[in-house]
Amino acid sequence: MRPSVGPHAACPRCGAPADENQEYCVECGLRLPHARPAFARRAGRPWNASSSLVAVVVFLVLAGLGAAAAVLITRDDSGETFVATSPLAHPVTRETLPTPPTTTPAPTIPEPQTTAPAEPAQPEQPIEWPDRDGYTIVLQSIPTSSSRRGALETARRAIRAGLHDVGVLASSNYPSLQPGYYVVFAGVYDSSGEASGALGEAEVVGFSAYVRPVSR
């Protein structure tokens, strides 16, 4: 015997009583065969697939219109423009260009000034006796039978020792001197006293010096 259908229908599985508008059995949870969809009950007509499809299409159209309205540009009283976007739209990403690094110019290093090394002073060369009479300090007398080169070497040694106006003369050319010698002298003085005052300088550097007049 089938369960009755009506205001007090019974569940076909467990036999529990059920109301006409009850869709599921409260005892076993079975969907009752007499139940109708709530949408159909509210519309006052039986539910069918065609009406459900129309409802879905209407819902999609309304949703599309709402999304289109969400992106319209509106302007308020202050004159500012606001753009409303759909929550489904992708966020706009602004690409930030990297800031070029600040380059600090390298400090200018002045080029070192190169000073050419001073050329060594040429050693003073032995001099000739000037064309005048005077007094001098005799450093050494070398016989003319020997080479003049030895006299010049002695004169250069005296120059390196710091003596000035050093030279070589041939004693035979001067009557005030004994002939036959190369005389290595230092200084040309106007008086015997002036020459004697400079005698100690020659003796300090190792010469057995003495003062002699030189006249032509």
N, C-alpha and C. Protein backbone atom coordinates (compact mmCIF):
# COMPACT_ATOMS: atom_id res chain seq x y z
N MET A 1 0.84 -1.18 0.00
CA MET A 1 0.00 0.00 0.00
C MET A 1 0.88 1.23 0.00
N ARG A 2 0.63 2.17 -0.95
CA ARG A 2 1.43 3.38 -1.07
C ARG A 2 0.99 4.38 -0.03
N PRO A 3 1.96 5.15 0.47
CA PRO A 3 1.60 6.20 1.43
C PRO A 3 0.74 7.24 0.77
N SER A 4 -0.11 7.78 1.53
CA SER A 4 -1.04 8.78 1.00
C SER A 4 -0.33 10.07 0.75
N VAL A 5 -0.87 10.83 -0.21
CA VAL A 5 -0.33 12.13 -0.58
C VAL A 5 -1.37 13.18 -0.22
N GLY A 6 -1.00 14.17 0.51
CA GLY A 6 -1.95 15.19 0.93
C GLY A 6 -1.41 15.95 2.09
N PRO A 7 -2.28 16.61 2.83
CA PRO A 7 -1.80 17.42 3.95
C PRO A 7 -1.11 16.60 5.00
N HIS A 8 -1.48 15.34 5.09
CA HIS A 8 -0.87 14.50 6.10
C HIS A 8 -0.30 13.25 5.47
N ALA A 9 0.53 13.41 4.44
CA ALA A 9 1.16 12.27 3.77
C ALA A 9 2.20 11.65 4.68
N ALA A 10 2.58 10.41 4.42
CA ALA A 10 3.57 9.70 5.22
C ALA A 10 4.80 9.42 4.38
N CYS A 11 5.96 9.31 5.06
CA CYS A 11 7.24 9.00 4.38
C CYS A 11 7.18 7.59 3.85
N PRO A 12 7.49 7.34 2.58
CA PRO A 12 7.43 5.99 2.05
C PRO A 12 8.51 5.09 2.62
N ARG A 13 9.53 5.64 3.26
CA ARG A 13 10.60 4.77 3.80
C ARG A 13 10.31 4.37 5.23
N CYS A 14 10.06 5.39 6.07
CA CYS A 14 9.90 5.06 7.50
C CYS A 14 8.46 5.20 7.98
N GLY A 15 7.56 5.76 7.13
CA GLY A 15 6.16 5.91 7.50
C GLY A 15 5.88 7.08 8.40
N ALA A 16 6.89 7.97 8.63
CA ALA A 16 6.67 9.13 9.49
C ALA A 16 5.74 10.10 8.79
N PRO A 17 4.80 10.74 9.52
CA PRO A 17 3.87 11.71 8.91
C PRO A 17 4.62 12.92 8.38
N ALA A 18 4.11 13.51 7.32
CA ALA A 18 4.76 14.67 6.71
C ALA A 18 3.70 15.63 6.21
N ASP A 19 3.98 16.91 6.24
CA ASP A 19 3.08 17.94 5.79
C ASP A 19 3.18 18.07 4.27
N GLU A 20 2.21 18.73 3.67
CA GLU A 20 2.19 18.85 2.21
C GLU A 20 3.38 19.66 1.70
N ASN A 21 3.77 20.69 2.42
CA ASN A 21 4.87 21.57 1.99
C ASN A 21 6.24 21.09 2.49
N GLN A 22 6.26 19.94 3.15
CA GLN A 22 7.53 19.41 3.68
C GLN A 22 8.25 18.65 2.58
N GLU A 23 9.50 19.03 2.33
CA GLU A 23 10.26 18.42 1.23
C GLU A 23 11.03 17.19 1.67
N TYR A 24 11.49 17.11 2.91
CA TYR A 24 12.29 15.98 3.40
C TYR A 24 11.66 15.43 4.66
N CYS A 25 11.84 14.14 4.84
CA CYS A 25 11.34 13.47 6.05
C CYS A 25 12.21 13.88 7.21
N VAL A 26 11.59 14.26 8.32
CA VAL A 26 12.34 14.71 9.49
C VAL A 26 12.95 13.55 10.23
N GLU A 27 12.51 12.31 9.94
CA GLU A 27 13.03 11.15 10.64
C GLU A 27 14.21 10.52 9.91
N CYS A 28 14.00 10.22 8.60
CA CYS A 28 15.08 9.53 7.88
C CYS A 28 15.77 10.40 6.84
N GLY A 29 15.25 11.63 6.55
CA GLY A 29 15.89 12.52 5.60
C GLY A 29 15.57 12.24 4.16
N LEU A 30 14.65 11.36 3.83
CA LEU A 30 14.30 11.05 2.44
C LEU A 30 13.50 12.20 1.85
N ARG A 31 13.83 12.52 0.55
CA ARG A 31 13.05 13.54 -0.14
C ARG A 31 11.67 12.97 -0.43
N LEU A 32 10.67 13.64 -0.02
CA LEU A 32 9.31 13.15 -0.14
C LEU A 32 8.84 13.29 -1.57
N PRO A 33 8.15 12.26 -2.14
CA PRO A 33 7.74 12.33 -3.54
C PRO A 33 6.66 13.37 -3.81
N HIS A 34 5.94 13.78 -2.82
CA HIS A 34 4.88 14.75 -3.06
C HIS A 34 5.39 16.18 -2.96
N ALA A 35 6.67 16.38 -2.56
CA ALA A 35 7.17 17.75 -2.35
C ALA A 35 7.41 18.45 -3.68
N ARG A 36 7.15 19.76 -3.73
CA ARG A 36 7.40 20.57 -4.92
C ARG A 36 8.47 21.62 -4.61
N PRO A 37 9.24 22.04 -5.63
CA PRO A 37 10.26 23.07 -5.37
C PRO A 37 9.63 24.33 -4.82
N ALA A 38 10.41 25.00 -3.95
CA ALA A 38 9.89 26.21 -3.33
C ALA A 38 9.63 27.29 -4.35
N PHE A 39 10.46 27.33 -5.42
CA PHE A 39 10.28 28.35 -6.45
C PHE A 39 8.92 28.19 -7.13
N ALA A 40 8.55 26.90 -7.39
CA ALA A 40 7.27 26.63 -8.04
C ALA A 40 6.12 26.97 -7.13
N ARG A 41 6.28 26.67 -5.80
CA ARG A 41 5.22 26.96 -4.86
C ARG A 41 4.98 28.45 -4.75
N ARG A 42 6.09 29.25 -4.77
CA ARG A 42 5.95 30.68 -4.65
C ARG A 42 5.31 31.28 -5.91
N ALA A 43 5.63 30.69 -7.07
CA ALA A 43 5.07 31.21 -8.32
C ALA A 43 3.64 30.80 -8.52
N GLY A 44 3.21 29.80 -7.81
CA GLY A 44 1.83 29.33 -7.93
C GLY A 44 1.59 28.43 -9.10
N ARG A 45 2.71 27.89 -9.66
CA ARG A 45 2.55 26.96 -10.78
C ARG A 45 3.61 25.88 -10.68
N PRO A 46 3.38 24.76 -11.33
CA PRO A 46 4.36 23.65 -11.24
C PRO A 46 5.71 24.09 -11.78
N TRP A 47 6.78 23.55 -11.15
CA TRP A 47 8.16 23.84 -11.60
C TRP A 47 8.52 23.01 -12.80
N ASN A 48 9.26 23.66 -13.77
CA ASN A 48 9.75 22.91 -14.92
C ASN A 48 11.10 23.48 -15.34
N ALA A 49 11.81 22.77 -16.22
CA ALA A 49 13.17 23.15 -16.64
C ALA A 49 13.19 24.44 -17.43
N SER A 50 12.17 24.71 -18.22
CA SER A 50 12.15 25.92 -19.06
C SER A 50 12.11 27.18 -18.20
N SER A 51 11.29 27.15 -17.18
CA SER A 51 11.21 28.34 -16.31
C SER A 51 12.51 28.56 -15.57
N SER A 52 13.21 27.49 -15.18
CA SER A 52 14.50 27.63 -14.49
C SER A 52 15.54 28.26 -15.42
N LEU A 53 15.55 27.83 -16.68
CA LEU A 53 16.52 28.38 -17.64
C LEU A 53 16.29 29.87 -17.86
N VAL A 54 15.02 30.27 -17.96
CA VAL A 54 14.70 31.69 -18.14
C VAL A 54 15.18 32.49 -16.94
N ALA A 55 15.02 31.92 -15.77
CA ALA A 55 15.44 32.64 -14.56
C ALA A 55 16.96 32.82 -14.54
N VAL A 56 17.68 31.79 -14.97
CA VAL A 56 19.15 31.90 -15.00
C VAL A 56 19.59 32.96 -16.00
N VAL A 57 18.95 32.98 -17.19
CA VAL A 57 19.31 33.96 -18.21
C VAL A 57 19.05 35.38 -17.70
N VAL A 58 17.90 35.57 -17.06
CA VAL A 58 17.56 36.89 -16.51
C VAL A 58 18.59 37.33 -15.48
N PHE A 59 19.01 36.37 -14.64
CA PHE A 59 20.02 36.70 -13.60
C PHE A 59 21.34 37.13 -14.23
N LEU A 60 21.77 36.40 -15.30
CA LEU A 60 23.03 36.75 -15.94
C LEU A 60 22.96 38.12 -16.61
N VAL A 61 21.81 38.44 -17.25
CA VAL A 61 21.66 39.75 -17.89
C VAL A 61 21.74 40.85 -16.85
N LEU A 62 21.06 40.66 -15.73
CA LEU A 62 21.09 41.67 -14.66
C LEU A 62 22.49 41.84 -14.10
N ALA A 63 23.21 40.70 -13.96
CA ALA A 63 24.59 40.80 -13.44
C ALA A 63 25.49 41.55 -14.41
N GLY A 64 25.31 41.33 -15.75
CA GLY A 64 26.11 42.05 -16.74
C GLY A 64 25.84 43.54 -16.71
N LEU A 65 24.57 43.91 -16.58
CA LEU A 65 24.23 45.33 -16.52
C LEU A 65 24.82 45.98 -15.28
N GLY A 66 24.82 45.25 -14.18
CA GLY A 66 25.41 45.81 -12.96
C GLY A 66 26.90 46.02 -13.08
N ALA A 67 27.60 45.06 -13.73
CA ALA A 67 29.05 45.21 -13.90
C ALA A 67 29.38 46.37 -14.83
N ALA A 68 28.55 46.56 -15.90
CA ALA A 68 28.79 47.67 -16.82
C ALA A 68 28.56 49.01 -16.13
N ALA A 69 27.56 49.04 -15.27
CA ALA A 69 27.30 50.30 -14.56
C ALA A 69 28.40 50.63 -13.58
N ALA A 70 29.11 49.61 -13.10
CA ALA A 70 30.15 49.83 -12.09
C ALA A 70 31.36 50.53 -12.66
N VAL A 71 31.56 50.49 -13.99
CA VAL A 71 32.74 51.09 -14.58
C VAL A 71 32.46 52.44 -15.23
N LEU A 72 31.23 52.99 -15.05
CA LEU A 72 30.92 54.30 -15.60
C LEU A 72 31.67 55.38 -14.84
N ILE A 73 32.01 56.48 -15.53
CA ILE A 73 32.72 57.62 -14.93
C ILE A 73 31.68 58.61 -14.43
N THR A 74 31.74 58.91 -13.17
CA THR A 74 30.82 59.86 -12.57
C THR A 74 31.58 61.08 -12.12
N ARG A 75 30.91 62.18 -12.00
CA ARG A 75 31.52 63.46 -11.59
C ARG A 75 30.68 64.03 -10.46
N ASP A 76 31.38 64.43 -9.37
CA ASP A 76 30.64 64.97 -8.24
C ASP A 76 30.55 66.49 -8.35
N ASP A 77 30.01 67.12 -7.34
CA ASP A 77 29.78 68.56 -7.37
C ASP A 77 31.08 69.35 -7.38
N SER A 78 32.13 68.79 -6.83
CA SER A 78 33.39 69.53 -6.78
C SER A 78 34.14 69.51 -8.09
N GLY A 79 33.65 68.80 -9.10
CA GLY A 79 34.32 68.77 -10.39
C GLY A 79 35.35 67.67 -10.51
N GLU A 80 35.57 66.89 -9.44
CA GLU A 80 36.54 65.80 -9.50
C GLU A 80 35.90 64.57 -10.13
N THR A 81 36.69 63.83 -10.87
CA THR A 81 36.20 62.65 -11.59
C THR A 81 36.63 61.40 -10.85
N PHE A 82 35.72 60.49 -10.64
CA PHE A 82 36.00 59.23 -9.98
C PHE A 82 35.68 58.10 -10.95
N VAL A 83 36.51 57.12 -10.98
CA VAL A 83 36.31 55.96 -11.85
C VAL A 83 36.05 54.76 -10.97
N ALA A 84 34.88 54.19 -11.09
CA ALA A 84 34.55 52.99 -10.31
C ALA A 84 34.85 51.77 -11.16
N THR A 85 35.49 50.84 -10.61
CA THR A 85 35.88 49.64 -11.34
C THR A 85 35.23 48.43 -10.70
N SER A 86 35.05 47.44 -11.51
CA SER A 86 34.46 46.20 -11.03
C SER A 86 35.44 45.49 -10.11
N PRO A 87 34.97 44.87 -9.07
CA PRO A 87 35.89 44.12 -8.19
C PRO A 87 36.55 42.97 -8.89
N LEU A 88 36.01 42.53 -10.04
CA LEU A 88 36.62 41.43 -10.76
C LEU A 88 37.71 41.90 -11.71
N ALA A 89 37.79 43.24 -11.93
CA ALA A 89 38.79 43.75 -12.88
C ALA A 89 40.18 43.59 -12.28
N HIS A 90 41.15 43.41 -13.15
CA HIS A 90 42.53 43.26 -12.69
C HIS A 90 43.05 44.61 -12.21
N PRO A 91 43.77 44.64 -11.09
CA PRO A 91 44.32 45.92 -10.62
C PRO A 91 45.35 46.45 -11.59
N VAL A 92 45.33 47.77 -11.73
CA VAL A 92 46.29 48.42 -12.63
C VAL A 92 47.62 48.55 -11.91
N THR A 93 48.63 48.02 -12.50
CA THR A 93 49.97 48.08 -11.91
C THR A 93 50.79 49.13 -12.63
N ARG A 94 51.23 50.11 -11.89
CA ARG A 94 52.08 51.14 -12.47
C ARG A 94 53.53 50.75 -12.32
N GLU A 95 54.16 50.71 -13.43
CA GLU A 95 55.59 50.33 -13.41
C GLU A 95 56.42 51.54 -12.98
N THR A 96 57.16 51.36 -11.93
CA THR A 96 58.02 52.43 -11.42
C THR A 96 59.40 52.28 -12.02
N LEU A 97 59.77 53.30 -12.78
CA LEU A 97 61.09 53.26 -13.39
C LEU A 97 62.15 53.44 -12.33
N PRO A 98 63.22 52.65 -12.40
CA PRO A 98 64.28 52.79 -11.39
C PRO A 98 64.95 54.15 -11.50
N THR A 99 65.22 54.71 -10.34
CA THR A 99 65.91 56.00 -10.30
C THR A 99 67.38 55.79 -10.61
N PRO A 100 67.88 56.49 -11.63
CA PRO A 100 69.31 56.29 -11.95
C PRO A 100 70.17 56.69 -10.77
N PRO A 101 71.19 55.89 -10.49
CA PRO A 101 72.06 56.22 -9.35
C PRO A 101 72.77 57.55 -9.58
N THR A 102 72.91 58.25 -8.47
CA THR A 102 73.62 59.52 -8.52
C THR A 102 75.12 59.26 -8.57
N THR A 103 75.70 59.76 -9.61
CA THR A 103 77.14 59.55 -9.77
C THR A 103 77.88 60.79 -9.31
N THR A 104 78.80 60.58 -8.42
CA THR A 104 79.63 61.67 -7.92
C THR A 104 80.90 61.72 -8.74
N PRO A 105 81.17 62.86 -9.37
CA PRO A 105 82.39 62.93 -10.18
C PRO A 105 83.63 62.67 -9.33
N ALA A 106 84.50 61.89 -9.91
CA ALA A 106 85.74 61.56 -9.21
C ALA A 106 86.57 62.82 -9.00
N PRO A 107 87.14 62.95 -7.81
CA PRO A 107 87.96 64.15 -7.57
C PRO A 107 89.14 64.21 -8.52
N THR A 108 89.37 65.41 -8.98
CA THR A 108 90.49 65.61 -9.91
C THR A 108 91.79 65.69 -9.13
N ILE A 109 92.65 64.76 -9.45
CA ILE A 109 93.94 64.72 -8.77
C ILE A 109 94.94 65.47 -9.63
N PRO A 110 95.47 66.55 -9.10
CA PRO A 110 96.44 67.30 -9.92
C PRO A 110 97.67 66.46 -10.20
N GLU A 111 98.11 66.58 -11.41
CA GLU A 111 99.29 65.84 -11.79
C GLU A 111 100.51 66.40 -11.06
N PRO A 112 101.30 65.50 -10.53
CA PRO A 112 102.48 65.99 -9.82
C PRO A 112 103.42 66.73 -10.75
N GLN A 113 103.86 67.85 -10.29
CA GLN A 113 104.78 68.65 -11.08
C GLN A 113 106.18 68.06 -10.96
N THR A 114 106.64 67.73 -12.09
CA THR A 114 107.98 67.13 -12.12
C THR A 114 108.99 68.22 -12.39
N THR A 115 109.90 68.33 -11.49
CA THR A 115 110.97 69.32 -11.62
C THR A 115 112.21 68.61 -12.12
N ALA A 116 112.67 69.12 -13.20
CA ALA A 116 113.87 68.50 -13.77
C ALA A 116 115.02 68.65 -12.77
N PRO A 117 115.73 67.56 -12.55
CA PRO A 117 116.83 67.63 -11.60
C PRO A 117 117.87 68.65 -12.07
N ALA A 118 118.32 69.39 -11.10
CA ALA A 118 119.32 70.41 -11.43
C ALA A 118 120.61 69.75 -11.89
N GLU A 119 121.08 70.26 -12.96
CA GLU A 119 122.33 69.71 -13.47
C GLU A 119 123.46 70.04 -12.49
N PRO A 120 124.29 69.06 -12.25
CA PRO A 120 125.39 69.32 -11.31
C PRO A 120 126.29 70.43 -11.84
N ALA A 121 126.65 71.29 -10.92
CA ALA A 121 127.51 72.41 -11.31
C ALA A 121 128.85 71.89 -11.81
N GLN A 122 129.23 72.46 -12.90
CA GLN A 122 130.53 72.07 -13.45
C GLN A 122 131.65 72.54 -12.51
N PRO A 123 132.55 71.66 -12.22
CA PRO A 123 133.65 72.07 -11.33
C PRO A 123 134.46 73.21 -11.95
N GLU A 124 134.86 74.08 -11.08
CA GLU A 124 135.66 75.22 -11.54
C GLU A 124 136.96 74.73 -12.18
N GLN A 125 137.27 75.29 -13.32
CA GLN A 125 138.48 74.88 -14.02
C GLN A 125 139.66 75.76 -13.61
N PRO A 126 140.86 75.23 -13.67
CA PRO A 126 142.06 76.05 -13.36
C PRO A 126 142.13 77.26 -14.29
N ILE A 127 142.56 78.37 -13.75
CA ILE A 127 142.62 79.62 -14.52
C ILE A 127 144.07 79.96 -14.87
N GLU A 128 144.21 80.91 -15.79
CA GLU A 128 145.54 81.45 -16.11
C GLU A 128 145.78 82.72 -15.28
N TRP A 129 147.03 83.03 -15.05
CA TRP A 129 147.31 84.27 -14.30
C TRP A 129 146.90 85.46 -15.16
N PRO A 130 146.18 86.42 -14.58
CA PRO A 130 145.73 87.57 -15.37
C PRO A 130 146.92 88.48 -15.74
N ASP A 131 146.68 89.37 -16.68
CA ASP A 131 147.73 90.27 -17.18
C ASP A 131 147.88 91.46 -16.22
N ARG A 132 148.43 91.15 -15.08
CA ARG A 132 148.61 92.17 -14.06
C ARG A 132 149.62 91.67 -13.01
N ASP A 133 150.13 92.60 -12.20
CA ASP A 133 150.99 92.23 -11.08
C ASP A 133 150.12 92.06 -9.84
N GLY A 134 150.61 91.22 -8.91
CA GLY A 134 149.85 91.01 -7.70
C GLY A 134 150.51 90.01 -6.79
N TYR A 135 149.77 89.52 -5.84
CA TYR A 135 150.26 88.52 -4.90
C TYR A 135 149.35 87.28 -4.97
N THR A 136 149.94 86.15 -4.64
CA THR A 136 149.18 84.90 -4.68
C THR A 136 149.69 83.97 -3.62
N ILE A 137 148.98 82.89 -3.42
CA ILE A 137 149.36 81.82 -2.49
C ILE A 137 149.84 80.65 -3.33
N VAL A 138 151.05 80.25 -3.17
CA VAL A 138 151.62 79.13 -3.89
C VAL A 138 151.28 77.85 -3.15
N LEU A 139 150.56 76.98 -3.85
CA LEU A 139 150.16 75.71 -3.25
C LEU A 139 151.22 74.63 -3.48
N GLN A 140 151.81 74.62 -4.68
CA GLN A 140 152.82 73.60 -5.00
C GLN A 140 153.61 74.06 -6.22
N SER A 141 154.91 73.74 -6.23
CA SER A 141 155.78 74.02 -7.39
C SER A 141 156.29 72.71 -7.94
N ILE A 142 156.02 72.45 -9.23
CA ILE A 142 156.38 71.18 -9.87
C ILE A 142 157.37 71.50 -10.99
N PRO A 143 158.54 70.82 -11.01
CA PRO A 143 159.54 71.11 -12.06
C PRO A 143 158.93 70.91 -13.45
N THR A 144 159.34 71.76 -14.36
CA THR A 144 158.83 71.67 -15.72
C THR A 144 159.33 70.42 -16.44
N SER A 145 160.35 69.78 -15.88
CA SER A 145 160.79 68.51 -16.47
C SER A 145 159.70 67.44 -16.35
N SER A 146 158.78 67.61 -15.41
CA SER A 146 157.64 66.71 -15.26
C SER A 146 156.50 67.17 -16.18
N SER A 147 155.49 66.41 -16.29
CA SER A 147 154.35 66.76 -17.15
C SER A 147 153.51 67.85 -16.50
N ARG A 148 152.94 68.71 -17.32
CA ARG A 148 152.02 69.75 -16.84
C ARG A 148 150.74 69.13 -16.29
N ARG A 149 150.49 67.90 -16.73
CA ARG A 149 149.27 67.24 -16.29
C ARG A 149 149.24 67.11 -14.78
N GLY A 150 150.39 66.83 -14.15
CA GLY A 150 150.42 66.70 -12.69
C GLY A 150 150.05 67.99 -11.99
N ALA A 151 150.50 69.13 -12.55
CA ALA A 151 150.15 70.42 -11.96
C ALA A 151 148.64 70.68 -12.08
N LEU A 152 148.09 70.31 -13.23
CA LEU A 152 146.64 70.50 -13.40
C LEU A 152 145.83 69.62 -12.44
N GLU A 153 146.29 68.41 -12.18
CA GLU A 153 145.59 67.53 -11.24
C GLU A 153 145.62 68.12 -9.84
N THR A 154 146.77 68.70 -9.45
CA THR A 154 146.85 69.33 -8.13
C THR A 154 145.91 70.51 -8.04
N ALA A 155 145.82 71.31 -9.12
CA ALA A 155 144.91 72.46 -9.13
C ALA A 155 143.45 72.01 -8.99
N ARG A 156 143.07 70.92 -9.68
CA ARG A 156 141.69 70.42 -9.58
C ARG A 156 141.39 69.90 -8.17
N ARG A 157 142.39 69.29 -7.55
CA ARG A 157 142.19 68.80 -6.18
C ARG A 157 141.96 69.98 -5.23
N ALA A 158 142.68 71.09 -5.45
CA ALA A 158 142.48 72.27 -4.61
C ALA A 158 141.09 72.87 -4.83
N ILE A 159 140.62 72.82 -6.07
CA ILE A 159 139.26 73.34 -6.36
C ILE A 159 138.21 72.49 -5.65
N ARG A 160 138.36 71.16 -5.70
CA ARG A 160 137.41 70.28 -5.03
C ARG A 160 137.44 70.47 -3.52
N ALA A 161 138.58 70.92 -2.99
CA ALA A 161 138.69 71.17 -1.55
C ALA A 161 138.04 72.48 -1.14
N GLY A 162 137.62 73.32 -2.10
CA GLY A 162 136.91 74.55 -1.79
C GLY A 162 137.69 75.82 -2.00
N LEU A 163 138.89 75.73 -2.53
CA LEU A 163 139.66 76.94 -2.78
C LEU A 163 139.20 77.58 -4.09
N HIS A 164 139.40 78.89 -4.21
CA HIS A 164 138.90 79.64 -5.37
C HIS A 164 140.07 80.30 -6.10
N ASP A 165 139.79 80.64 -7.37
CA ASP A 165 140.78 81.29 -8.24
C ASP A 165 142.10 80.50 -8.23
N VAL A 166 141.93 79.20 -8.47
CA VAL A 166 143.09 78.31 -8.51
C VAL A 166 143.52 78.16 -9.96
N GLY A 167 144.85 78.21 -10.19
CA GLY A 167 145.36 78.06 -11.55
C GLY A 167 146.79 77.56 -11.56
N VAL A 168 147.33 77.48 -12.81
CA VAL A 168 148.72 77.01 -13.03
C VAL A 168 149.43 78.04 -13.90
N LEU A 169 150.65 78.43 -13.50
CA LEU A 169 151.45 79.34 -14.32
C LEU A 169 152.86 78.77 -14.45
N ALA A 170 153.54 79.18 -15.52
CA ALA A 170 154.93 78.78 -15.73
C ALA A 170 155.83 79.87 -15.11
N SER A 171 156.60 79.52 -14.12
CA SER A 171 157.42 80.51 -13.38
C SER A 171 158.47 81.20 -14.26
N SER A 172 158.87 80.58 -15.34
CA SER A 172 159.89 81.18 -16.22
C SER A 172 159.36 82.44 -16.89
N ASN A 173 158.08 82.65 -16.93
CA ASN A 173 157.48 83.82 -17.58
C ASN A 173 157.36 85.01 -16.62
N TYR A 174 157.73 84.83 -15.38
CA TYR A 174 157.57 85.89 -14.39
C TYR A 174 158.90 86.10 -13.64
N PRO A 175 159.50 87.25 -13.77
CA PRO A 175 160.82 87.51 -13.18
C PRO A 175 160.86 87.38 -11.66
N SER A 176 159.72 87.58 -10.97
CA SER A 176 159.69 87.52 -9.51
C SER A 176 159.74 86.09 -8.99
N LEU A 177 159.64 85.11 -9.88
CA LEU A 177 159.63 83.70 -9.48
C LEU A 177 160.85 82.98 -10.02
N GLN A 178 161.26 81.93 -9.34
CA GLN A 178 162.38 81.11 -9.79
C GLN A 178 161.94 80.32 -11.02
N PRO A 179 162.66 80.41 -12.11
CA PRO A 179 162.24 79.72 -13.34
C PRO A 179 162.38 78.20 -13.22
N GLY A 180 161.70 77.53 -14.18
CA GLY A 180 161.80 76.07 -14.29
C GLY A 180 160.73 75.29 -13.52
N TYR A 181 159.63 75.96 -13.18
CA TYR A 181 158.56 75.26 -12.40
C TYR A 181 157.16 75.59 -12.96
N TYR A 182 156.29 74.61 -12.74
CA TYR A 182 154.83 74.86 -12.90
C TYR A 182 154.31 75.20 -11.50
N VAL A 183 153.84 76.42 -11.33
CA VAL A 183 153.37 76.89 -10.03
C VAL A 183 151.84 76.77 -9.95
N VAL A 184 151.39 76.02 -8.96
CA VAL A 184 149.94 75.91 -8.69
C VAL A 184 149.62 76.98 -7.65
N PHE A 185 148.79 77.95 -8.01
CA PHE A 185 148.50 79.08 -7.13
C PHE A 185 147.00 79.14 -6.81
N ALA A 186 146.66 79.92 -5.75
CA ALA A 186 145.27 80.13 -5.35
C ALA A 186 145.08 81.59 -4.99
N GLY A 187 144.29 82.30 -5.78
CA GLY A 187 143.95 83.69 -5.49
C GLY A 187 144.86 84.68 -6.17
N VAL A 188 144.29 85.86 -6.49
CA VAL A 188 145.02 86.98 -7.06
C VAL A 188 144.72 88.18 -6.15
N TYR A 189 145.72 88.66 -5.43
CA TYR A 189 145.51 89.69 -4.41
C TYR A 189 146.33 90.94 -4.76
N ASP A 190 145.87 92.07 -4.22
CA ASP A 190 146.54 93.33 -4.48
C ASP A 190 147.71 93.58 -3.52
N SER A 191 147.70 92.93 -2.34
CA SER A 191 148.76 93.17 -1.36
C SER A 191 149.17 91.87 -0.70
N SER A 192 150.36 91.92 -0.07
CA SER A 192 150.87 90.73 0.63
C SER A 192 150.02 90.42 1.85
N GLY A 193 149.56 91.50 2.54
CA GLY A 193 148.74 91.26 3.72
C GLY A 193 147.41 90.58 3.38
N GLU A 194 146.83 90.98 2.25
CA GLU A 194 145.57 90.36 1.83
C GLU A 194 145.78 88.89 1.51
N ALA A 195 146.87 88.56 0.86
CA ALA A 195 147.18 87.17 0.54
C ALA A 195 147.45 86.37 1.82
N SER A 196 148.16 86.98 2.77
CA SER A 196 148.48 86.27 4.01
C SER A 196 147.22 85.97 4.81
N GLY A 197 146.21 86.87 4.70
CA GLY A 197 144.97 86.62 5.43
C GLY A 197 144.22 85.40 4.92
N ALA A 198 144.44 85.03 3.66
CA ALA A 198 143.75 83.85 3.10
C ALA A 198 144.63 82.61 3.14
N LEU A 199 145.84 82.72 3.72
CA LEU A 199 146.76 81.59 3.72
C LEU A 199 146.24 80.42 4.56
N GLY A 200 145.60 80.76 5.65
CA GLY A 200 145.13 79.68 6.54
C GLY A 200 144.11 78.76 5.87
N GLU A 201 143.31 79.26 4.95
CA GLU A 201 142.32 78.42 4.25
C GLU A 201 142.99 77.32 3.46
N ALA A 202 144.13 77.68 2.81
CA ALA A 202 144.85 76.66 2.04
C ALA A 202 145.51 75.64 2.94
N GLU A 203 146.00 76.09 4.08
CA GLU A 203 146.67 75.15 4.99
C GLU A 203 145.66 74.18 5.61
N VAL A 204 144.42 74.65 5.84
CA VAL A 204 143.41 73.78 6.45
C VAL A 204 143.10 72.59 5.56
N VAL A 205 143.12 72.77 4.25
CA VAL A 205 142.77 71.67 3.34
C VAL A 205 144.00 70.84 2.97
N GLY A 206 145.16 71.07 3.65
CA GLY A 206 146.28 70.16 3.50
C GLY A 206 147.43 70.62 2.62
N PHE A 207 147.50 71.88 2.27
CA PHE A 207 148.60 72.36 1.43
C PHE A 207 149.63 73.11 2.31
N SER A 208 150.91 72.87 2.01
CA SER A 208 151.99 73.64 2.67
C SER A 208 152.22 74.90 1.83
N ALA A 209 151.37 75.86 2.03
CA ALA A 209 151.29 77.04 1.15
C ALA A 209 152.12 78.18 1.72
N TYR A 210 152.46 79.13 0.83
CA TYR A 210 153.17 80.35 1.21
C TYR A 210 152.81 81.45 0.21
N VAL A 211 153.13 82.71 0.57
CA VAL A 211 152.74 83.86 -0.26
C VAL A 211 153.94 84.29 -1.11
N ARG A 212 153.68 84.64 -2.39
CA ARG A 212 154.72 85.11 -3.32
C ARG A 212 154.13 86.21 -4.20
N PRO A 213 154.98 87.22 -4.52
CA PRO A 213 154.57 88.24 -5.50
C PRO A 213 154.72 87.70 -6.91
N VAL A 214 153.82 88.12 -7.77
CA VAL A 214 153.87 87.72 -9.19
C VAL A 214 153.88 89.01 -10.00
N SER A 215 154.98 89.24 -10.71
CA SER A 215 155.10 90.44 -11.55
C SER A 215 155.63 90.06 -12.91
N ARG A 216 155.30 90.88 -13.90
CA ARG A 216 155.71 90.57 -15.26
C ARG A 216 156.97 91.35 -15.58
